[in-house]
Amino acid sequence: MLEVEGLSKHFGGFTAVDNVDFSLEKGEILGLIGPNGSGKSTIFNMLSGVLKPNNGSIRLLGQEIAGAPPPRICLMGVGRTFQIPRPIRRLTILENAALAGYYGQAGAVSREDAWKSAKDALRLVGLPSDEAASVDTLGAAGLKKLELAKALATKPTLLLADESLGGLDHDEMDQAADMLRNIREELGVTIIWVEHIMGVLMRVVDRVMVLDHGEKIADGGPNEVATNPKVIEVYLGSDAEETASAANRS
């Protein structure tokens, strides 16, 4: 359902992403990992239209989306979360999600349709959908859930989940990871998940792609990637051991 070929992005003389190819099948969860500065966020920004690639093709369901503006890409079925949630605090939890549903779905969307999409999304992430529930009652985990609900309210076919575990404790991480799996099972959404907490990610994803200095250095199942010499070289020490151990448990 997603085909990416020769994707590259340069900032002056710096190459952030260098000729990356990958594809996804419908309903697949792909984990996208790599050290800071490896190109993960740049790829997300190109997939969601925030950045225009210097080279390469991005085809969603056979349609080219590379270089299209973010609103159009959203309407074509790409939903995205962000690392730092920024809800509109004068709106309630439900209103934040409904606003995303109203403007993020293709075609004419009524207020009732947006409200229903928002309530369905909030149910999936475990947040209250009553009209009085305030954003100010949410802690770090709740704000991450709201960010996810806003993306789901747009009814995406492809969900880009950007570090959904950042700032959460161990139990909240496990809950968030299970939530992504449940979303895939219930909605059939295809997911790309960028995450630094690899011990949790490796238990959930179907496949892992690893970036280093803008290049793809590995792409395969969790066990295959966890034992790849190039990946071990990048993730020396305890991170490599944790990654391999999590992959073996998956």
C-alpha atoms as a PDB file:
ATOM      1  CA  MET A   1       0.000   0.000   0.000  1.00  0.00           C
ATOM      2  CA  LEU A   2       3.052   2.262   0.412  1.00  0.00           C
ATOM      3  CA  GLU A   3       6.042   2.249  -1.922  1.00  0.00           C
ATOM      4  CA  VAL A   4       9.032   4.521  -1.337  1.00  0.00           C
ATOM      5  CA  GLU A   5      11.876   4.594  -3.864  1.00  0.00           C
ATOM      6  CA  GLY A   6      15.124   6.568  -3.867  1.00  0.00           C
ATOM      7  CA  LEU A   7      13.998   8.969  -1.157  1.00  0.00           C
ATOM      8  CA  SER A   8      16.613  11.647  -0.452  1.00  0.00           C
ATOM      9  CA  LYS A   9      16.691  14.948   1.401  1.00  0.00           C
ATOM     10  CA  HIS A  10      19.560  17.437   1.561  1.00  0.00           C
ATOM     11  CA  PHE A  11      19.937  20.542   3.704  1.00  0.00           C
ATOM     12  CA  GLY A  12      22.683  22.505   1.998  1.00  0.00           C
ATOM     13  CA  GLY A  13      25.700  20.220   1.987  1.00  0.00           C
ATOM     14  CA  PHE A  14      24.214  17.869   4.619  1.00  0.00           C
ATOM     15  CA  THR A  15      22.424  14.715   3.489  1.00  0.00           C
ATOM     16  CA  ALA A  16      19.711  13.816   6.022  1.00  0.00           C
ATOM     17  CA  VAL A  17      18.206  10.927   4.032  1.00  0.00           C
ATOM     18  CA  ASP A  18      20.176   9.166   1.322  1.00  0.00           C
ATOM     19  CA  ASN A  19      18.438   7.103  -1.371  1.00  0.00           C
ATOM     20  CA  VAL A  20      16.122   5.113   0.926  1.00  0.00           C
ATOM     21  CA  ASP A  21      13.792   2.440  -0.461  1.00  0.00           C
ATOM     22  CA  PHE A  22      11.076   0.591   1.446  1.00  0.00           C
ATOM     23  CA  SER A  23       7.497  -0.617   1.130  1.00  0.00           C
ATOM     24  CA  LEU A  24       4.603  -1.600   3.386  1.00  0.00           C
ATOM     25  CA  GLU A  25       1.773  -4.051   3.007  1.00  0.00           C
ATOM     26  CA  LYS A  26      -1.724  -3.134   4.158  1.00  0.00           C
ATOM     27  CA  GLY A  27      -2.121  -3.701   7.899  1.00  0.00           C
ATOM     28  CA  GLU A  28       1.599  -4.015   8.583  1.00  0.00           C
ATOM     29  CA  ILE A  29       3.341  -2.337  11.537  1.00  0.00           C
ATOM     30  CA  LEU A  30       6.828  -1.158  10.619  1.00  0.00           C
ATOM     31  CA  GLY A  31       9.210  -0.027  13.340  1.00  0.00           C
ATOM     32  CA  LEU A  32      11.545   2.747  12.199  1.00  0.00           C
ATOM     33  CA  ILE A  33      14.600   3.037  14.429  1.00  0.00           C
ATOM     34  CA  GLY A  34      18.035   4.621  14.444  1.00  0.00           C
ATOM     35  CA  PRO A  35      20.226   6.936  16.512  1.00  0.00           C
ATOM     36  CA  ASN A  36      19.442  10.633  16.892  1.00  0.00           C
ATOM     37  CA  GLY A  37      20.127  12.348  13.583  1.00  0.00           C
ATOM     38  CA  SER A  38      19.731   9.169  11.548  1.00  0.00           C
ATOM     39  CA  GLY A  39      16.913  10.587   9.387  1.00  0.00           C
ATOM     40  CA  LYS A  40      13.769   9.169  11.013  1.00  0.00           C
ATOM     41  CA  SER A  41      11.982  12.485  11.545  1.00  0.00           C
ATOM     42  CA  THR A  42      13.037  13.688   8.105  1.00  0.00           C
ATOM     43  CA  ILE A  43      11.397  10.641   6.532  1.00  0.00           C
ATOM     44  CA  PHE A  44       8.217  11.286   8.525  1.00  0.00           C
ATOM     45  CA  ASN A  45       8.267  14.924   7.430  1.00  0.00           C
ATOM     46  CA  MET A  46       8.532  13.877   3.786  1.00  0.00           C
ATOM     47  CA  LEU A  47       5.799  11.234   4.112  1.00  0.00           C
ATOM     48  CA  SER A  48       3.445  13.776   5.708  1.00  0.00           C
ATOM     49  CA  GLY A  49       4.308  16.650   3.343  1.00  0.00           C
ATOM     50  CA  VAL A  50       6.123  18.886   5.829  1.00  0.00           C
ATOM     51  CA  LEU A  51       9.270  18.555   3.708  1.00  0.00           C
ATOM     52  CA  LYS A  52       9.605  18.063  -0.034  1.00  0.00           C
ATOM     53  CA  PRO A  53      12.115  15.384  -1.090  1.00  0.00           C
ATOM     54  CA  ASN A  54      15.059  16.377  -3.266  1.00  0.00           C
ATOM     55  CA  ASN A  55      14.739  13.029  -5.009  1.00  0.00           C
ATOM     56  CA  GLY A  56      12.554   9.973  -4.890  1.00  0.00           C
ATOM     57  CA  SER A  57       9.005   8.742  -5.104  1.00  0.00           C
ATOM     58  CA  ILE A  58       6.331   8.121  -2.439  1.00  0.00           C
ATOM     59  CA  ARG A  59       3.268   6.232  -3.656  1.00  0.00           C
ATOM     60  CA  LEU A  60       0.296   5.625  -1.409  1.00  0.00           C
ATOM     61  CA  LEU A  61      -2.165   3.108  -2.842  1.00  0.00           C
ATOM     62  CA  GLY A  62      -0.578   3.721  -6.238  1.00  0.00           C
ATOM     63  CA  GLN A  63      -0.880   7.513  -6.074  1.00  0.00           C
ATOM     64  CA  GLU A  64       2.175   9.762  -5.928  1.00  0.00           C
ATOM     65  CA  ILE A  65       2.194  11.990  -2.847  1.00  0.00           C
ATOM     66  CA  ALA A  66       5.808  13.209  -2.722  1.00  0.00           C
ATOM     67  CA  GLY A  67       5.873  17.008  -2.484  1.00  0.00           C
ATOM     68  CA  ALA A  68       2.129  17.391  -1.905  1.00  0.00           C
ATOM     69  CA  PRO A  69       1.152  19.834   0.892  1.00  0.00           C
ATOM     70  CA  PRO A  70       0.330  18.363   4.341  1.00  0.00           C
ATOM     71  CA  PRO A  71      -3.446  19.071   4.222  1.00  0.00           C
ATOM     72  CA  ARG A  72      -3.773  17.218   0.931  1.00  0.00           C
ATOM     73  CA  ILE A  73      -1.699  14.275   2.172  1.00  0.00           C
ATOM     74  CA  CYS A  74      -3.863  14.077   5.290  1.00  0.00           C
ATOM     75  CA  LEU A  75      -7.002  14.022   3.155  1.00  0.00           C
ATOM     76  CA  MET A  76      -5.423  11.239   1.086  1.00  0.00           C
ATOM     77  CA  GLY A  77      -5.236   9.057   4.175  1.00  0.00           C
ATOM     78  CA  VAL A  78      -1.999   9.792   6.062  1.00  0.00           C
ATOM     79  CA  GLY A  79      -2.446  10.597   9.755  1.00  0.00           C
ATOM     80  CA  ARG A  80       0.444  11.652  11.960  1.00  0.00           C
ATOM     81  CA  THR A  81       1.207  12.143  15.631  1.00  0.00           C
ATOM     82  CA  PHE A  82       3.945  14.447  16.909  1.00  0.00           C
ATOM     83  CA  GLN A  83       6.558  13.905  19.621  1.00  0.00           C
ATOM     84  CA  ILE A  84       5.382  16.950  21.594  1.00  0.00           C
ATOM     85  CA  PRO A  85       1.572  17.129  21.918  1.00  0.00           C
ATOM     86  CA  ARG A  86       0.146  20.613  21.411  1.00  0.00           C
ATOM     87  CA  PRO A  87      -3.603  20.426  21.961  1.00  0.00           C
ATOM     88  CA  ILE A  88      -5.774  23.521  21.783  1.00  0.00           C
ATOM     89  CA  ARG A  89      -6.285  24.027  25.504  1.00  0.00           C
ATOM     90  CA  ARG A  90      -9.362  26.214  25.226  1.00  0.00           C
ATOM     91  CA  LEU A  91     -11.111  23.227  23.627  1.00  0.00           C
ATOM     92  CA  THR A  92     -12.192  20.061  25.437  1.00  0.00           C
ATOM     93  CA  ILE A  93     -10.693  16.633  24.766  1.00  0.00           C
ATOM     94  CA  LEU A  94     -13.627  15.773  22.513  1.00  0.00           C
ATOM     95  CA  GLU A  95     -13.470  19.090  20.662  1.00  0.00           C
ATOM     96  CA  ASN A  96      -9.760  18.639  19.927  1.00  0.00           C
ATOM     97  CA  ALA A  97     -10.394  15.231  18.373  1.00  0.00           C
ATOM     98  CA  ALA A  98     -13.538  16.396  16.549  1.00  0.00           C
ATOM     99  CA  LEU A  99     -11.676  19.335  15.016  1.00  0.00           C
ATOM    100  CA  ALA A 100      -9.129  16.923  13.549  1.00  0.00           C
ATOM    101  CA  GLY A 101     -11.930  14.716  12.276  1.00  0.00           C
ATOM    102  CA  TYR A 102     -13.786  17.616  10.678  1.00  0.00           C
ATOM    103  CA  TYR A 103     -10.840  19.007   8.715  1.00  0.00           C
ATOM    104  CA  GLY A 104      -8.803  15.836   8.234  1.00  0.00           C
ATOM    105  CA  GLN A 105     -11.250  13.550   6.441  1.00  0.00           C
ATOM    106  CA  ALA A 106     -11.747  13.518   2.702  1.00  0.00           C
ATOM    107  CA  GLY A 107     -15.121  14.605   1.347  1.00  0.00           C
ATOM    108  CA  ALA A 108     -17.888  16.572   2.997  1.00  0.00           C
ATOM    109  CA  VAL A 109     -17.884  15.881   6.739  1.00  0.00           C
ATOM    110  CA  SER A 110     -20.802  17.003   8.878  1.00  0.00           C
ATOM    111  CA  ARG A 111     -20.492  18.077  12.491  1.00  0.00           C
ATOM    112  CA  GLU A 112     -22.189  14.835  13.492  1.00  0.00           C
ATOM    113  CA  ASP A 113     -19.735  12.761  11.450  1.00  0.00           C
ATOM    114  CA  ALA A 114     -16.757  14.562  13.005  1.00  0.00           C
ATOM    115  CA  TRP A 115     -18.213  14.079  16.485  1.00  0.00           C
ATOM    116  CA  LYS A 116     -18.691  10.348  15.849  1.00  0.00           C
ATOM    117  CA  SER A 117     -15.172   9.936  14.460  1.00  0.00           C
ATOM    118  CA  ALA A 118     -13.785  11.724  17.501  1.00  0.00           C
ATOM    119  CA  LYS A 119     -15.737   9.595  19.979  1.00  0.00           C
ATOM    120  CA  ASP A 120     -14.694   6.383  18.219  1.00  0.00           C
ATOM    121  CA  ALA A 121     -11.050   7.476  18.286  1.00  0.00           C
ATOM    122  CA  LEU A 122     -11.185   8.453  21.950  1.00  0.00           C
ATOM    123  CA  ARG A 123     -12.728   5.093  22.822  1.00  0.00           C
ATOM    124  CA  LEU A 124      -9.872   3.296  21.063  1.00  0.00           C
ATOM    125  CA  VAL A 125      -7.225   5.162  23.030  1.00  0.00           C
ATOM    126  CA  GLY A 126      -9.088   5.024  26.343  1.00  0.00           C
ATOM    127  CA  LEU A 127      -9.898   8.715  26.827  1.00  0.00           C
ATOM    128  CA  PRO A 128     -13.250  10.193  27.957  1.00  0.00           C
ATOM    129  CA  SER A 129     -15.547  11.403  25.204  1.00  0.00           C
ATOM    130  CA  ASP A 130     -17.995  13.439  27.272  1.00  0.00           C
ATOM    131  CA  GLU A 131     -18.247  17.040  26.135  1.00  0.00           C
ATOM    132  CA  ALA A 132     -17.007  18.539  29.404  1.00  0.00           C
ATOM    133  CA  ALA A 133     -13.725  16.604  29.798  1.00  0.00           C
ATOM    134  CA  SER A 134     -10.878  19.129  29.922  1.00  0.00           C
ATOM    135  CA  VAL A 135      -7.441  18.778  28.315  1.00  0.00           C
ATOM    136  CA  ASP A 136      -6.001  20.196  31.539  1.00  0.00           C
ATOM    137  CA  THR A 137      -6.857  16.942  33.336  1.00  0.00           C
ATOM    138  CA  LEU A 138      -4.456  14.965  31.135  1.00  0.00           C
ATOM    139  CA  GLY A 139      -0.942  13.998  32.177  1.00  0.00           C
ATOM    140  CA  ALA A 140       1.869  12.954  29.838  1.00  0.00           C
ATOM    141  CA  ALA A 141       0.265   9.612  28.958  1.00  0.00           C
ATOM    142  CA  GLY A 142      -3.144  11.227  28.382  1.00  0.00           C
ATOM    143  CA  LEU A 143      -1.711  13.870  26.067  1.00  0.00           C
ATOM    144  CA  LYS A 144       0.028  11.156  24.040  1.00  0.00           C
ATOM    145  CA  LYS A 145      -3.320   9.346  23.784  1.00  0.00           C
ATOM    146  CA  LEU A 146      -5.062  12.535  22.653  1.00  0.00           C
ATOM    147  CA  GLU A 147      -2.408  13.051  19.996  1.00  0.00           C
ATOM    148  CA  LEU A 148      -3.121   9.546  18.736  1.00  0.00           C
ATOM    149  CA  ALA A 149      -6.893  10.074  18.880  1.00  0.00           C
ATOM    150  CA  LYS A 150      -6.617  13.235  16.786  1.00  0.00           C
ATOM    151  CA  ALA A 151      -4.730  11.306  14.099  1.00  0.00           C
ATOM    152  CA  LEU A 152      -7.241   8.433  14.193  1.00  0.00           C
ATOM    153  CA  ALA A 153     -10.190  10.845  13.931  1.00  0.00           C
ATOM    154  CA  THR A 154      -9.019  11.677  10.398  1.00  0.00           C
ATOM    155  CA  LYS A 155      -9.658   8.002   9.501  1.00  0.00           C
ATOM    156  CA  PRO A 156      -6.187   7.339   8.075  1.00  0.00           C
ATOM    157  CA  THR A 157      -5.140   4.350   6.008  1.00  0.00           C
ATOM    158  CA  LEU A 158      -1.524   5.026   7.061  1.00  0.00           C
ATOM    159  CA  LEU A 159      -0.667   6.156  10.598  1.00  0.00           C
ATOM    160  CA  LEU A 160       2.722   7.727  11.338  1.00  0.00           C
ATOM    161  CA  ALA A 161       3.280   7.319  15.084  1.00  0.00           C
ATOM    162  CA  ASP A 162       6.177   9.520  16.192  1.00  0.00           C
ATOM    163  CA  GLU A 163       7.683   8.467  19.546  1.00  0.00           C
ATOM    164  CA  SER A 164       4.392   7.600  21.227  1.00  0.00           C
ATOM    165  CA  LEU A 165       6.203   6.319  24.340  1.00  0.00           C
ATOM    166  CA  GLY A 166       8.343   9.350  25.172  1.00  0.00           C
ATOM    167  CA  GLY A 167       7.874  10.509  28.778  1.00  0.00           C
ATOM    168  CA  LEU A 168       5.838   7.468  29.827  1.00  0.00           C
ATOM    169  CA  ASP A 169       6.630   5.040  32.634  1.00  0.00           C
ATOM    170  CA  HIS A 170       7.067   1.305  32.032  1.00  0.00           C
ATOM    171  CA  ASP A 171       3.401   0.371  32.523  1.00  0.00           C
ATOM    172  CA  GLU A 172       2.223   3.265  30.325  1.00  0.00           C
ATOM    173  CA  MET A 173       4.683   2.173  27.614  1.00  0.00           C
ATOM    174  CA  ASP A 174       3.251  -1.343  27.590  1.00  0.00           C
ATOM    175  CA  GLN A 175      -0.292   0.045  27.430  1.00  0.00           C
ATOM    176  CA  ALA A 176       0.577   2.389  24.551  1.00  0.00           C
ATOM    177  CA  ALA A 177       2.266  -0.424  22.617  1.00  0.00           C
ATOM    178  CA  ASP A 178      -0.737  -2.719  23.093  1.00  0.00           C
ATOM    179  CA  MET A 179      -2.963   0.164  22.001  1.00  0.00           C
ATOM    180  CA  LEU A 180      -1.163   0.449  18.655  1.00  0.00           C
ATOM    181  CA  ARG A 181      -1.558  -3.266  18.080  1.00  0.00           C
ATOM    182  CA  ASN A 182      -5.267  -3.091  18.955  1.00  0.00           C
ATOM    183  CA  ILE A 183      -5.745  -0.134  16.595  1.00  0.00           C
ATOM    184  CA  ARG A 184      -4.220  -2.145  13.769  1.00  0.00           C
ATOM    185  CA  GLU A 185      -6.405  -5.155  14.549  1.00  0.00           C
ATOM    186  CA  GLU A 186      -9.652  -3.185  14.875  1.00  0.00           C
ATOM    187  CA  LEU A 187      -9.201  -0.642  12.076  1.00  0.00           C
ATOM    188  CA  GLY A 188      -6.793  -2.409   9.720  1.00  0.00           C
ATOM    189  CA  VAL A 189      -4.592   0.690   9.734  1.00  0.00           C
ATOM    190  CA  THR A 190      -1.052   0.400   8.418  1.00  0.00           C
ATOM    191  CA  ILE A 191       1.435   1.897  10.897  1.00  0.00           C
ATOM    192  CA  ILE A 192       4.984   3.235  10.812  1.00  0.00           C
ATOM    193  CA  TRP A 193       6.226   3.654  14.350  1.00  0.00           C
ATOM    194  CA  VAL A 194       9.302   5.728  15.180  1.00  0.00           C
ATOM    195  CA  GLU A 195      10.503   4.915  18.666  1.00  0.00           C
ATOM    196  CA  HIS A 196      13.662   4.953  20.792  1.00  0.00           C
ATOM    197  CA  ILE A 197      12.279   2.522  23.396  1.00  0.00           C
ATOM    198  CA  MET A 198      13.246  -0.521  21.375  1.00  0.00           C
ATOM    199  CA  GLY A 199      12.539  -3.122  24.031  1.00  0.00           C
ATOM    200  CA  VAL A 200       8.807  -2.359  23.706  1.00  0.00           C
ATOM    201  CA  LEU A 201       8.766  -1.671  19.978  1.00  0.00           C
ATOM    202  CA  MET A 202      10.337  -5.017  19.096  1.00  0.00           C
ATOM    203  CA  ARG A 203       7.450  -6.895  20.762  1.00  0.00           C
ATOM    204  CA  VAL A 204       4.809  -5.181  18.646  1.00  0.00           C
ATOM    205  CA  VAL A 205       6.091  -4.579  15.104  1.00  0.00           C
ATOM    206  CA  ASP A 206       6.016  -6.994  12.191  1.00  0.00           C
ATOM    207  CA  ARG A 207       9.163  -5.593  10.646  1.00  0.00           C
ATOM    208  CA  VAL A 208      11.962  -3.177  11.530  1.00  0.00           C
ATOM    209  CA  MET A 209      13.868  -0.715   9.345  1.00  0.00           C
ATOM    210  CA  VAL A 210      17.071   0.779  10.729  1.00  0.00           C
ATOM    211  CA  LEU A 211      18.627   4.065   9.624  1.00  0.00           C
ATOM    212  CA  ASP A 212      22.113   5.357  10.306  1.00  0.00           C
ATOM    213  CA  HIS A 213      23.422   8.698   8.991  1.00  0.00           C
ATOM    214  CA  GLY A 214      20.500   8.865   6.561  1.00  0.00           C
ATOM    215  CA  GLU A 215      21.065   5.423   5.040  1.00  0.00           C
ATOM    216  CA  LYS A 216      19.030   2.260   5.469  1.00  0.00           C
ATOM    217  CA  ILE A 217      21.311  -0.340   7.042  1.00  0.00           C
ATOM    218  CA  ALA A 218      18.774  -3.081   7.820  1.00  0.00           C
ATOM    219  CA  ASP A 219      15.199  -4.084   7.034  1.00  0.00           C
ATOM    220  CA  GLY A 220      13.576  -7.284   8.240  1.00  0.00           C
ATOM    221  CA  GLY A 221      11.850  -9.127  11.052  1.00  0.00           C
ATOM    222  CA  PRO A 222      12.677  -8.209  14.658  1.00  0.00           C
ATOM    223  CA  ASN A 223      14.884 -11.267  15.235  1.00  0.00           C
ATOM    224  CA  GLU A 224      16.720 -10.778  11.958  1.00  0.00           C
ATOM    225  CA  VAL A 225      17.388  -7.099  12.611  1.00  0.00           C
ATOM    226  CA  ALA A 226      18.387  -7.614  16.261  1.00  0.00           C
ATOM    227  CA  THR A 227      21.168  -9.993  15.201  1.00  0.00           C
ATOM    228  CA  ASN A 228      22.329  -7.955  12.193  1.00  0.00           C
ATOM    229  CA  PRO A 229      26.037  -7.050  12.668  1.00  0.00           C
ATOM    230  CA  LYS A 230      25.512  -3.533  11.291  1.00  0.00           C
ATOM    231  CA  VAL A 231      22.694  -2.887  13.763  1.00  0.00           C
ATOM    232  CA  ILE A 232      24.711  -4.281  16.660  1.00  0.00           C
ATOM    233  CA  GLU A 233      27.566  -1.968  15.712  1.00  0.00           C
ATOM    234  CA  VAL A 234      25.220   1.035  15.838  1.00  0.00           C
ATOM    235  CA  TYR A 235      23.579  -0.041  19.090  1.00  0.00           C
ATOM    236  CA  LEU A 236      26.577  -1.175  21.123  1.00  0.00           C
ATOM    237  CA  GLY A 237      26.226  -2.311  24.720  1.00  0.00           C
ATOM    238  CA  SER A 238      23.009  -2.600  26.690  1.00  0.00           C
ATOM    239  CA  ASP A 239      20.741  -1.224  23.964  1.00  0.00           C
ATOM    240  CA  ALA A 240      21.809  -3.990  21.609  1.00  0.00           C
ATOM    241  CA  GLU A 241      21.261  -6.623  24.296  1.00  0.00           C
ATOM    242  CA  GLU A 242      17.823  -5.223  25.163  1.00  0.00           C
ATOM    243  CA  THR A 243      16.842  -5.125  21.481  1.00  0.00           C
ATOM    244  CA  ALA A 244      17.886  -8.721  20.888  1.00  0.00           C
ATOM    245  CA  SER A 245      16.171  -9.914  24.074  1.00  0.00           C
ATOM    246  CA  ALA A 246      12.899  -8.144  23.179  1.00  0.00           C
ATOM    247  CA  ALA A 247      13.000  -9.540  19.638  1.00  0.00           C
ATOM    248  CA  ASN A 248      13.439 -13.050  21.000  1.00  0.00           C
ATOM    249  CA  ARG A 249      10.366 -12.588  23.232  1.00  0.00           C
ATOM    250  CA  SER A 250       8.172 -11.338  20.394  1.00  0.00           C
END
